[in-house]
Amino acid sequence: MNVKLSMKQKIVLLKVFIHIFALLPLVNLYFAAFSDQLGADPVEAVIHFTGIGAFNLLLITLLVSPVAKKFKLGYLLQTRRLLGLYAFTYALFHLANFLAFEVQFDVNLFFTEIFERPYITIGLVAFLLLTVLAITSINVIKSKMGRSWQKLHNFNYLIVLLVATHFYWSVKSDLTEPLIYWGITLILLRFRVNKFKKWLGK
């Protein structure tokens, strides 16, 4: 028997899937960490996983629009805010892990790291911008901002470039993974060329 789902049902199912897809890896990560299953350097494993998770979710938010346009699946656009909020969640865990395990909440050491390591500086800038986008995703604030909301959320493109740079600069040896991510980032931004040209008045 064929069951045809309504638009609303499709959106609900997609959001349920996103919740599961985003939350289970985090639960599994910390379960593995507390069970001493993350190898010789669990701190590095946790920091890397949450950072790359945030990056992956940001890239997925960029992927939604071209996929929705290509396959005429407009309802996919209803998932972007949830994906963005989970990207912020992962980024928050990424920063919290760094503060707790790398600098052990030493404020002076944290600011020293910011000024002495450019990849941390650029990562923090990306996080602060992402925080602004997360806060302004609240319905009440979004409605009050009107048209300026979309202009603000176009900073998502800058954020993903900052994150790609942060990842590239943070790697000390094998650059294969960050270069692959840079490639994916540029490909996804390529879909916005016409929008960028419009901003530049071309």
N, C-alpha and C. Protein backbone atom coordinates (compact mmCIF):
# COMPACT_ATOMS: atom_id res chain seq x y z
N MET A 1 0.85 -1.20 0.00
CA MET A 1 0.00 0.00 0.00
C MET A 1 0.88 1.24 0.00
N ASN A 2 0.65 2.14 -0.96
CA ASN A 2 1.42 3.38 -1.05
C ASN A 2 0.83 4.43 -0.11
N VAL A 3 1.71 5.03 0.68
CA VAL A 3 1.28 6.08 1.60
C VAL A 3 1.94 7.38 1.17
N LYS A 4 1.13 8.35 0.77
CA LYS A 4 1.65 9.63 0.33
C LYS A 4 1.67 10.60 1.51
N LEU A 5 2.87 11.07 1.84
CA LEU A 5 3.01 11.97 2.98
C LEU A 5 2.72 13.40 2.56
N SER A 6 2.12 14.14 3.46
CA SER A 6 1.90 15.57 3.22
C SER A 6 3.21 16.31 3.40
N MET A 7 3.24 17.56 2.93
CA MET A 7 4.43 18.40 3.08
C MET A 7 4.84 18.53 4.54
N LYS A 8 3.85 18.75 5.39
CA LYS A 8 4.12 18.93 6.82
C LYS A 8 4.72 17.66 7.42
N GLN A 9 4.21 16.51 7.03
CA GLN A 9 4.72 15.22 7.53
C GLN A 9 6.16 14.99 7.07
N LYS A 10 6.44 15.36 5.83
CA LYS A 10 7.80 15.21 5.33
C LYS A 10 8.79 16.06 6.13
N ILE A 11 8.37 17.28 6.42
CA ILE A 11 9.24 18.19 7.19
C ILE A 11 9.47 17.63 8.60
N VAL A 12 8.40 17.14 9.22
CA VAL A 12 8.51 16.57 10.57
C VAL A 12 9.47 15.38 10.57
N LEU A 13 9.31 14.48 9.61
CA LEU A 13 10.19 13.31 9.53
C LEU A 13 11.64 13.70 9.29
N LEU A 14 11.84 14.70 8.44
CA LEU A 14 13.21 15.17 8.19
C LEU A 14 13.83 15.74 9.46
N LYS A 15 13.06 16.49 10.20
CA LYS A 15 13.58 17.09 11.43
C LYS A 15 13.87 16.03 12.49
N VAL A 16 13.02 15.02 12.56
CA VAL A 16 13.28 13.90 13.48
C VAL A 16 14.59 13.22 13.10
N PHE A 17 14.78 13.00 11.81
CA PHE A 17 16.02 12.39 11.33
C PHE A 17 17.22 13.25 11.68
N ILE A 18 17.11 14.55 11.52
CA ILE A 18 18.22 15.46 11.83
C ILE A 18 18.55 15.41 13.32
N HIS A 19 17.52 15.39 14.18
CA HIS A 19 17.75 15.29 15.62
C HIS A 19 18.55 14.01 15.94
N ILE A 20 18.12 12.90 15.36
CA ILE A 20 18.80 11.63 15.61
C ILE A 20 20.22 11.65 15.05
N PHE A 21 20.34 12.10 13.82
CA PHE A 21 21.61 12.16 13.12
C PHE A 21 22.63 13.03 13.86
N ALA A 22 22.15 14.12 14.49
CA ALA A 22 23.05 15.06 15.16
C ALA A 22 23.34 14.68 16.62
N LEU A 23 22.33 14.16 17.32
CA LEU A 23 22.49 13.90 18.75
C LEU A 23 23.20 12.58 19.06
N LEU A 24 22.86 11.52 18.33
CA LEU A 24 23.45 10.22 18.63
C LEU A 24 24.98 10.21 18.57
N PRO A 25 25.60 10.82 17.56
CA PRO A 25 27.07 10.84 17.54
C PRO A 25 27.67 11.54 18.75
N LEU A 26 27.01 12.60 19.23
CA LEU A 26 27.52 13.29 20.43
C LEU A 26 27.42 12.40 21.65
N VAL A 27 26.27 11.75 21.81
CA VAL A 27 26.08 10.84 22.95
C VAL A 27 27.11 9.71 22.89
N ASN A 28 27.29 9.15 21.72
CA ASN A 28 28.25 8.06 21.55
C ASN A 28 29.68 8.52 21.81
N LEU A 29 29.99 9.76 21.38
CA LEU A 29 31.34 10.30 21.60
C LEU A 29 31.68 10.38 23.08
N TYR A 30 30.79 10.97 23.86
CA TYR A 30 31.10 11.15 25.28
C TYR A 30 30.99 9.84 26.06
N PHE A 31 30.15 8.94 25.60
CA PHE A 31 30.11 7.61 26.20
C PHE A 31 31.46 6.92 25.98
N ALA A 32 31.98 7.01 24.75
CA ALA A 32 33.28 6.41 24.44
C ALA A 32 34.39 7.08 25.22
N ALA A 33 34.28 8.40 25.40
CA ALA A 33 35.32 9.13 26.14
C ALA A 33 35.36 8.71 27.60
N PHE A 34 34.19 8.64 28.22
CA PHE A 34 34.13 8.25 29.64
C PHE A 34 34.41 6.77 29.84
N SER A 35 34.29 5.99 28.76
CA SER A 35 34.60 4.56 28.83
C SER A 35 36.03 4.26 28.40
N ASP A 36 36.79 5.32 28.17
CA ASP A 36 38.20 5.19 27.77
C ASP A 36 38.35 4.36 26.48
N GLN A 37 37.53 4.71 25.48
CA GLN A 37 37.56 3.98 24.21
C GLN A 37 38.04 4.84 23.04
N LEU A 38 38.67 5.98 23.34
CA LEU A 38 39.05 6.90 22.27
C LEU A 38 40.55 6.89 21.98
N GLY A 39 41.23 5.86 22.41
CA GLY A 39 42.63 5.72 22.05
C GLY A 39 43.58 6.48 22.97
N ALA A 40 44.78 6.71 22.44
CA ALA A 40 45.85 7.28 23.26
C ALA A 40 45.63 8.75 23.60
N ASP A 41 44.91 9.47 22.75
CA ASP A 41 44.70 10.91 22.99
C ASP A 41 43.20 11.23 22.89
N PRO A 42 42.45 10.91 23.94
CA PRO A 42 41.00 11.13 23.90
C PRO A 42 40.62 12.60 23.80
N VAL A 43 41.43 13.48 24.38
CA VAL A 43 41.14 14.91 24.31
C VAL A 43 41.17 15.39 22.87
N GLU A 44 42.20 15.02 22.15
CA GLU A 44 42.32 15.39 20.74
C GLU A 44 41.17 14.80 19.93
N ALA A 45 40.79 13.57 20.25
CA ALA A 45 39.70 12.91 19.53
C ALA A 45 38.38 13.65 19.73
N VAL A 46 38.09 14.05 20.96
CA VAL A 46 36.84 14.75 21.26
C VAL A 46 36.82 16.13 20.60
N ILE A 47 37.93 16.86 20.70
CA ILE A 47 37.99 18.19 20.11
C ILE A 47 37.85 18.12 18.59
N HIS A 48 38.54 17.16 17.98
CA HIS A 48 38.47 17.02 16.52
C HIS A 48 37.06 16.62 16.08
N PHE A 49 36.46 15.68 16.78
CA PHE A 49 35.14 15.18 16.38
C PHE A 49 34.09 16.28 16.43
N THR A 50 34.08 17.05 17.51
CA THR A 50 33.08 18.12 17.63
C THR A 50 33.35 19.24 16.62
N GLY A 51 34.63 19.51 16.37
CA GLY A 51 34.95 20.55 15.38
C GLY A 51 34.55 20.14 13.98
N ILE A 52 34.90 18.92 13.60
CA ILE A 52 34.57 18.46 12.25
C ILE A 52 33.06 18.24 12.11
N GLY A 53 32.41 17.90 13.21
CA GLY A 53 30.95 17.77 13.19
C GLY A 53 30.28 19.11 12.90
N ALA A 54 30.78 20.17 13.55
CA ALA A 54 30.24 21.51 13.29
C ALA A 54 30.45 21.90 11.83
N PHE A 55 31.65 21.61 11.31
CA PHE A 55 31.98 21.93 9.92
C PHE A 55 31.06 21.16 8.96
N ASN A 56 30.88 19.88 9.22
CA ASN A 56 30.01 19.06 8.36
C ASN A 56 28.59 19.62 8.32
N LEU A 57 28.07 20.00 9.46
CA LEU A 57 26.71 20.52 9.52
C LEU A 57 26.59 21.86 8.81
N LEU A 58 27.63 22.69 8.91
CA LEU A 58 27.63 23.96 8.17
C LEU A 58 27.59 23.71 6.67
N LEU A 59 28.37 22.73 6.22
CA LEU A 59 28.40 22.40 4.79
C LEU A 59 27.06 21.84 4.33
N ILE A 60 26.42 21.06 5.19
CA ILE A 60 25.11 20.52 4.83
C ILE A 60 24.09 21.64 4.68
N THR A 61 24.19 22.68 5.53
CA THR A 61 23.26 23.82 5.39
C THR A 61 23.45 24.50 4.04
N LEU A 62 24.70 24.54 3.55
CA LEU A 62 24.95 25.13 2.24
C LEU A 62 24.46 24.23 1.11
N LEU A 63 24.40 22.94 1.38
CA LEU A 63 23.98 21.99 0.36
C LEU A 63 22.46 21.97 0.17
N VAL A 64 21.73 22.36 1.20
CA VAL A 64 20.27 22.24 1.17
C VAL A 64 19.66 23.03 0.01
N SER A 65 20.04 24.29 -0.15
CA SER A 65 19.42 25.14 -1.18
C SER A 65 19.62 24.61 -2.59
N PRO A 66 20.87 24.29 -3.01
CA PRO A 66 21.03 23.76 -4.38
C PRO A 66 20.31 22.44 -4.62
N VAL A 67 20.26 21.58 -3.61
CA VAL A 67 19.54 20.30 -3.75
C VAL A 67 18.04 20.56 -3.88
N ALA A 68 17.52 21.46 -3.03
CA ALA A 68 16.10 21.79 -3.08
C ALA A 68 15.72 22.39 -4.43
N LYS A 69 16.60 23.24 -4.96
CA LYS A 69 16.34 23.88 -6.25
C LYS A 69 16.44 22.88 -7.39
N LYS A 70 17.47 22.04 -7.36
CA LYS A 70 17.71 21.08 -8.43
C LYS A 70 16.57 20.07 -8.55
N PHE A 71 16.12 19.53 -7.42
CA PHE A 71 15.13 18.46 -7.43
C PHE A 71 13.72 18.93 -7.08
N LYS A 72 13.57 20.27 -7.00
CA LYS A 72 12.26 20.87 -6.70
C LYS A 72 11.66 20.32 -5.40
N LEU A 73 12.50 20.36 -4.36
CA LEU A 73 12.09 19.89 -3.04
C LEU A 73 12.13 21.07 -2.06
N GLY A 74 11.23 22.00 -2.28
CA GLY A 74 11.24 23.23 -1.50
C GLY A 74 11.14 23.03 0.00
N TYR A 75 10.48 21.96 0.41
CA TYR A 75 10.31 21.73 1.85
C TYR A 75 11.64 21.50 2.57
N LEU A 76 12.70 21.15 1.81
CA LEU A 76 14.01 20.94 2.43
C LEU A 76 14.52 22.23 3.09
N LEU A 77 14.09 23.36 2.54
CA LEU A 77 14.55 24.65 3.08
C LEU A 77 14.10 24.85 4.53
N GLN A 78 13.05 24.13 4.93
CA GLN A 78 12.55 24.25 6.30
C GLN A 78 13.48 23.61 7.33
N THR A 79 14.50 22.91 6.85
CA THR A 79 15.43 22.23 7.78
C THR A 79 16.71 23.02 8.03
N ARG A 80 16.92 24.10 7.28
CA ARG A 80 18.21 24.80 7.38
C ARG A 80 18.46 25.38 8.77
N ARG A 81 17.42 25.95 9.37
CA ARG A 81 17.63 26.55 10.69
C ARG A 81 18.02 25.50 11.72
N LEU A 82 17.36 24.35 11.69
CA LEU A 82 17.69 23.28 12.63
C LEU A 82 19.12 22.79 12.42
N LEU A 83 19.51 22.62 11.17
CA LEU A 83 20.89 22.21 10.87
C LEU A 83 21.89 23.25 11.37
N GLY A 84 21.56 24.52 11.16
CA GLY A 84 22.45 25.59 11.63
C GLY A 84 22.58 25.61 13.14
N LEU A 85 21.47 25.35 13.84
CA LEU A 85 21.51 25.33 15.31
C LEU A 85 22.35 24.16 15.82
N TYR A 86 22.27 23.03 15.12
CA TYR A 86 23.11 21.91 15.52
C TYR A 86 24.58 22.16 15.20
N ALA A 87 24.84 22.89 14.11
CA ALA A 87 26.23 23.29 13.81
C ALA A 87 26.77 24.14 14.96
N PHE A 88 25.93 25.07 15.45
CA PHE A 88 26.32 25.89 16.60
C PHE A 88 26.55 25.03 17.84
N THR A 89 25.67 24.04 18.05
CA THR A 89 25.81 23.16 19.22
C THR A 89 27.14 22.42 19.20
N TYR A 90 27.48 21.87 18.04
CA TYR A 90 28.76 21.17 17.92
C TYR A 90 29.93 22.13 18.13
N ALA A 91 29.80 23.34 17.58
CA ALA A 91 30.86 24.33 17.75
C ALA A 91 31.01 24.72 19.22
N LEU A 92 29.88 24.81 19.92
CA LEU A 92 29.91 25.13 21.35
C LEU A 92 30.63 24.03 22.14
N PHE A 93 30.33 22.78 21.82
CA PHE A 93 31.03 21.66 22.46
C PHE A 93 32.52 21.68 22.10
N HIS A 94 32.82 22.03 20.87
CA HIS A 94 34.22 22.11 20.42
C HIS A 94 34.99 23.12 21.27
N LEU A 95 34.41 24.30 21.45
CA LEU A 95 35.06 25.34 22.26
C LEU A 95 35.11 24.93 23.72
N ALA A 96 34.03 24.36 24.23
CA ALA A 96 33.98 23.95 25.64
C ALA A 96 35.03 22.88 25.93
N ASN A 97 35.20 21.95 25.01
CA ASN A 97 36.22 20.91 25.18
C ASN A 97 37.62 21.52 25.21
N PHE A 98 37.85 22.49 24.33
CA PHE A 98 39.15 23.17 24.31
C PHE A 98 39.40 23.90 25.62
N LEU A 99 38.38 24.62 26.10
CA LEU A 99 38.53 25.36 27.35
C LEU A 99 38.75 24.43 28.54
N ALA A 100 38.04 23.31 28.55
CA ALA A 100 38.11 22.40 29.70
C ALA A 100 39.39 21.57 29.71
N PHE A 101 39.80 21.07 28.56
CA PHE A 101 40.89 20.10 28.53
C PHE A 101 42.24 20.66 28.07
N GLU A 102 42.20 21.64 27.18
CA GLU A 102 43.46 22.18 26.68
C GLU A 102 44.00 23.29 27.57
N VAL A 103 43.14 24.23 27.99
CA VAL A 103 43.61 25.34 28.82
C VAL A 103 43.07 25.25 30.25
N GLN A 104 42.22 24.26 30.52
CA GLN A 104 41.68 24.00 31.86
C GLN A 104 41.09 25.25 32.50
N PHE A 105 40.32 25.98 31.71
CA PHE A 105 39.61 27.19 32.13
C PHE A 105 40.54 28.28 32.68
N ASP A 106 41.79 28.25 32.24
CA ASP A 106 42.74 29.31 32.59
C ASP A 106 42.52 30.46 31.62
N VAL A 107 41.88 31.54 32.09
CA VAL A 107 41.50 32.65 31.21
C VAL A 107 42.73 33.30 30.59
N ASN A 108 43.77 33.51 31.39
CA ASN A 108 44.99 34.14 30.87
C ASN A 108 45.62 33.29 29.77
N LEU A 109 45.67 31.99 30.00
CA LEU A 109 46.23 31.09 28.99
C LEU A 109 45.36 31.09 27.73
N PHE A 110 44.05 31.14 27.92
CA PHE A 110 43.14 31.15 26.78
C PHE A 110 43.39 32.37 25.89
N PHE A 111 43.50 33.56 26.49
CA PHE A 111 43.75 34.76 25.70
C PHE A 111 45.14 34.75 25.08
N THR A 112 46.08 34.14 25.77
CA THR A 112 47.42 34.00 25.19
C THR A 112 47.36 33.14 23.94
N GLU A 113 46.61 32.05 24.02
CA GLU A 113 46.45 31.16 22.87
C GLU A 113 45.79 31.90 21.70
N ILE A 114 44.80 32.74 22.02
CA ILE A 114 44.11 33.49 20.97
C ILE A 114 45.07 34.40 20.22
N PHE A 115 45.93 35.10 20.96
CA PHE A 115 46.84 36.05 20.33
C PHE A 115 48.04 35.39 19.67
N GLU A 116 48.44 34.23 20.18
CA GLU A 116 49.65 33.59 19.65
C GLU A 116 49.38 32.57 18.56
N ARG A 117 48.14 32.06 18.48
CA ARG A 117 47.82 31.05 17.47
C ARG A 117 46.70 31.56 16.57
N PRO A 118 47.04 31.99 15.36
CA PRO A 118 46.05 32.57 14.45
C PRO A 118 44.86 31.64 14.16
N TYR A 119 45.09 30.33 14.14
CA TYR A 119 43.98 29.43 13.84
C TYR A 119 42.94 29.44 14.95
N ILE A 120 43.38 29.70 16.19
CA ILE A 120 42.43 29.82 17.29
C ILE A 120 41.68 31.15 17.18
N THR A 121 42.41 32.20 16.81
CA THR A 121 41.78 33.51 16.63
C THR A 121 40.67 33.46 15.61
N ILE A 122 40.97 32.88 14.46
CA ILE A 122 40.00 32.83 13.37
C ILE A 122 38.84 31.87 13.71
N GLY A 123 39.15 30.83 14.46
CA GLY A 123 38.11 29.91 14.91
C GLY A 123 37.15 30.59 15.87
N LEU A 124 37.71 31.42 16.76
CA LEU A 124 36.87 32.14 17.73
C LEU A 124 35.98 33.16 17.04
N VAL A 125 36.52 33.84 16.03
CA VAL A 125 35.71 34.79 15.25
C VAL A 125 34.54 34.06 14.60
N ALA A 126 34.82 32.90 14.00
CA ALA A 126 33.77 32.10 13.37
C ALA A 126 32.71 31.70 14.40
N PHE A 127 33.15 31.30 15.59
CA PHE A 127 32.21 30.89 16.63
C PHE A 127 31.34 32.05 17.09
N LEU A 128 31.92 33.22 17.26
CA LEU A 128 31.15 34.38 17.69
C LEU A 128 30.09 34.76 16.65
N LEU A 129 30.47 34.71 15.38
CA LEU A 129 29.51 34.99 14.31
C LEU A 129 28.40 33.94 14.29
N LEU A 130 28.79 32.69 14.49
CA LEU A 130 27.80 31.61 14.51
C LEU A 130 26.85 31.76 15.70
N THR A 131 27.38 32.26 16.81
CA THR A 131 26.55 32.51 17.99
C THR A 131 25.49 33.57 17.70
N VAL A 132 25.90 34.62 17.00
CA VAL A 132 24.95 35.68 16.62
C VAL A 132 23.85 35.11 15.73
N LEU A 133 24.22 34.26 14.78
CA LEU A 133 23.22 33.66 13.89
C LEU A 133 22.28 32.74 14.67
N ALA A 134 22.83 32.01 15.65
CA ALA A 134 22.00 31.11 16.45
C ALA A 134 20.99 31.90 17.29
N ILE A 135 21.45 32.99 17.90
CA ILE A 135 20.56 33.80 18.73
C ILE A 135 19.45 34.43 17.90
N THR A 136 19.82 34.93 16.71
CA THR A 136 18.83 35.59 15.86
C THR A 136 17.94 34.61 15.11
N SER A 137 18.15 33.32 15.31
CA SER A 137 17.27 32.31 14.72
C SER A 137 16.02 32.11 15.56
N ILE A 138 16.00 32.68 16.75
CA ILE A 138 14.79 32.61 17.59
C ILE A 138 13.66 33.36 16.88
N ASN A 139 12.49 32.76 16.80
CA ASN A 139 11.39 33.31 16.00
C ASN A 139 11.06 34.76 16.33
N VAL A 140 11.02 35.09 17.61
CA VAL A 140 10.66 36.45 18.02
C VAL A 140 11.66 37.46 17.48
N ILE A 141 12.96 37.13 17.61
CA ILE A 141 14.00 38.04 17.15
C ILE A 141 13.99 38.12 15.62
N LYS A 142 13.79 36.96 14.98
CA LYS A 142 13.76 36.92 13.51
C LYS A 142 12.65 37.82 12.96
N SER A 143 11.47 37.74 13.56
CA SER A 143 10.34 38.54 13.06
C SER A 143 10.58 40.04 13.27
N LYS A 144 11.25 40.40 14.36
CA LYS A 144 11.53 41.81 14.63
C LYS A 144 12.58 42.37 13.68
N MET A 145 13.50 41.53 13.22
CA MET A 145 14.58 42.00 12.36
C MET A 145 14.12 42.24 10.92
N GLY A 146 13.06 41.56 10.52
CA GLY A 146 12.54 41.78 9.16
C GLY A 146 13.55 41.38 8.09
N ARG A 147 13.70 42.27 7.08
CA ARG A 147 14.58 41.96 5.96
C ARG A 147 16.05 41.89 6.35
N SER A 148 16.42 42.59 7.41
CA SER A 148 17.83 42.60 7.82
C SER A 148 18.27 41.23 8.34
N TRP A 149 17.29 40.37 8.68
CA TRP A 149 17.63 39.03 9.16
C TRP A 149 18.38 38.24 8.10
N GLN A 150 17.89 38.27 6.87
CA GLN A 150 18.54 37.53 5.79
C GLN A 150 19.93 38.08 5.50
N LYS A 151 20.06 39.41 5.54
CA LYS A 151 21.37 40.02 5.31
C LYS A 151 22.38 39.54 6.36
N LEU A 152 21.93 39.50 7.61
CA LEU A 152 22.81 39.03 8.68
C LEU A 152 23.19 37.58 8.47
N HIS A 153 22.23 36.74 8.08
CA HIS A 153 22.49 35.32 7.96
C HIS A 153 23.27 34.96 6.70
N ASN A 154 23.50 35.94 5.84
CA ASN A 154 24.42 35.71 4.73
C ASN A 154 25.87 35.60 5.21
N PHE A 155 26.10 35.98 6.47
CA PHE A 155 27.43 35.80 7.06
C PHE A 155 27.80 34.33 7.18
N ASN A 156 26.82 33.47 6.97
CA ASN A 156 27.08 32.03 6.98
C ASN A 156 28.17 31.66 5.98
N TYR A 157 28.20 32.38 4.85
CA TYR A 157 29.21 32.12 3.83
C TYR A 157 30.62 32.48 4.35
N LEU A 158 30.71 33.59 5.06
CA LEU A 158 31.99 33.98 5.65
C LEU A 158 32.40 32.99 6.72
N ILE A 159 31.43 32.58 7.53
CA ILE A 159 31.73 31.64 8.62
C ILE A 159 32.34 30.35 8.08
N VAL A 160 31.76 29.79 7.02
CA VAL A 160 32.27 28.52 6.50
C VAL A 160 33.69 28.69 5.95
N LEU A 161 34.01 29.86 5.40
CA LEU A 161 35.38 30.12 4.93
C LEU A 161 36.34 30.24 6.11
N LEU A 162 35.89 30.89 7.17
CA LEU A 162 36.72 31.00 8.38
C LEU A 162 36.97 29.63 8.99
N VAL A 163 35.94 28.80 9.03
CA VAL A 163 36.09 27.46 9.60
C VAL A 163 37.04 26.62 8.75
N ALA A 164 36.94 26.73 7.43
CA ALA A 164 37.84 25.99 6.55
C ALA A 164 39.29 26.42 6.79
N THR A 165 39.50 27.72 6.97
CA THR A 165 40.84 28.25 7.26
C THR A 165 41.32 27.78 8.63
N HIS A 166 40.44 27.84 9.61
CA HIS A 166 40.76 27.37 10.96
C HIS A 166 41.21 25.91 10.94
N PHE A 167 40.49 25.09 10.21
CA PHE A 167 40.82 23.67 10.12
C PHE A 167 42.18 23.48 9.43
N TYR A 168 42.39 24.18 8.34
CA TYR A 168 43.64 24.05 7.57
C TYR A 168 44.84 24.47 8.42
N TRP A 169 44.73 25.61 9.10
CA TRP A 169 45.85 26.10 9.90
C TRP A 169 46.11 25.27 11.15
N SER A 170 45.08 24.56 11.64
CA SER A 170 45.23 23.79 12.88
C SER A 170 45.95 22.47 12.65
N VAL A 171 46.00 22.01 11.40
CA VAL A 171 46.62 20.72 11.10
C VAL A 171 48.12 20.92 10.91
N LYS A 172 48.89 20.10 11.60
CA LYS A 172 50.34 20.29 11.60
C LYS A 172 51.08 19.36 10.63
N SER A 173 50.45 18.30 10.17
CA SER A 173 51.19 17.36 9.31
C SER A 173 50.44 17.08 8.01
N ASP A 174 49.60 16.07 7.99
CA ASP A 174 48.91 15.67 6.78
C ASP A 174 47.75 16.63 6.48
N LEU A 175 47.86 17.34 5.36
CA LEU A 175 46.86 18.35 5.01
C LEU A 175 45.77 17.81 4.09
N THR A 176 45.77 16.52 3.85
CA THR A 176 44.81 15.94 2.90
C THR A 176 43.37 16.25 3.30
N GLU A 177 43.02 15.98 4.56
CA GLU A 177 41.63 16.18 5.00
C GLU A 177 41.20 17.64 4.91
N PRO A 178 41.98 18.60 5.46
CA PRO A 178 41.54 19.99 5.34
C PRO A 178 41.46 20.48 3.90
N LEU A 179 42.31 19.98 3.03
CA LEU A 179 42.25 20.38 1.62
C LEU A 179 40.99 19.84 0.95
N ILE A 180 40.60 18.62 1.31
CA ILE A 180 39.36 18.06 0.79
C ILE A 180 38.17 18.93 1.24
N TYR A 181 38.20 19.33 2.51
CA TYR A 181 37.12 20.18 3.01
C TYR A 181 37.12 21.54 2.34
N TRP A 182 38.30 22.07 2.04
CA TRP A 182 38.38 23.34 1.32
C TRP A 182 37.73 23.19 -0.05
N GLY A 183 38.02 22.06 -0.71
CA GLY A 183 37.45 21.80 -2.03
C GLY A 183 35.93 21.74 -1.98
N ILE A 184 35.40 21.02 -0.99
CA ILE A 184 33.94 20.91 -0.84
C ILE A 184 33.33 22.29 -0.56
N THR A 185 34.00 23.07 0.29
CA THR A 185 33.51 24.41 0.61
C THR A 185 33.42 25.28 -0.63
N LEU A 186 34.46 25.28 -1.45
CA LEU A 186 34.48 26.11 -2.65
C LEU A 186 33.44 25.65 -3.67
N ILE A 187 33.24 24.35 -3.76
CA ILE A 187 32.22 23.83 -4.68
C ILE A 187 30.83 24.30 -4.26
N LEU A 188 30.55 24.22 -2.96
CA LEU A 188 29.25 24.65 -2.47
C LEU A 188 29.05 26.16 -2.61
N LEU A 189 30.11 26.92 -2.42
CA LEU A 189 30.00 28.37 -2.59
C LEU A 189 29.87 28.73 -4.07
N ARG A 190 30.36 27.86 -4.94
CA ARG A 190 30.25 28.10 -6.38
C ARG A 190 28.79 28.21 -6.81
N PHE A 191 27.90 27.51 -6.12
CA PHE A 191 26.48 27.60 -6.44
C PHE A 191 25.91 28.98 -6.15
N ARG A 192 26.65 29.79 -5.34
CA ARG A 192 26.16 31.12 -4.98
C ARG A 192 26.84 32.22 -5.80
N VAL A 193 27.51 31.88 -6.88
CA VAL A 193 28.26 32.87 -7.66
C VAL A 193 27.36 34.00 -8.11
N ASN A 194 26.19 33.68 -8.60
CA ASN A 194 25.27 34.73 -9.07
C ASN A 194 24.86 35.66 -7.94
N LYS A 195 24.66 35.10 -6.76
CA LYS A 195 24.31 35.94 -5.61
C LYS A 195 25.47 36.86 -5.24
N PHE A 196 26.69 36.33 -5.26
CA PHE A 196 27.86 37.15 -4.94
C PHE A 196 28.05 38.26 -5.97
N LYS A 197 27.83 37.95 -7.25
CA LYS A 197 27.95 38.95 -8.30
C LYS A 197 26.92 40.06 -8.11
N LYS A 198 25.73 39.68 -7.67
CA LYS A 198 24.68 40.67 -7.41
C LYS A 198 25.09 41.60 -6.30
N TRP A 199 25.70 41.04 -5.26
CA TRP A 199 26.16 41.88 -4.15
C TRP A 199 27.21 42.87 -4.60
N LEU A 200 28.06 42.43 -5.54
CA LEU A 200 29.15 43.29 -6.04
C LEU A 200 28.69 44.22 -7.15
N GLY A 201 27.42 44.11 -7.51
CA GLY A 201 26.87 45.00 -8.52
C GLY A 201 27.26 44.65 -9.93
N LYS A 202 27.60 43.36 -10.18
CA LYS A 202 28.03 42.95 -11.51
C LYS A 202 26.88 42.23 -12.23
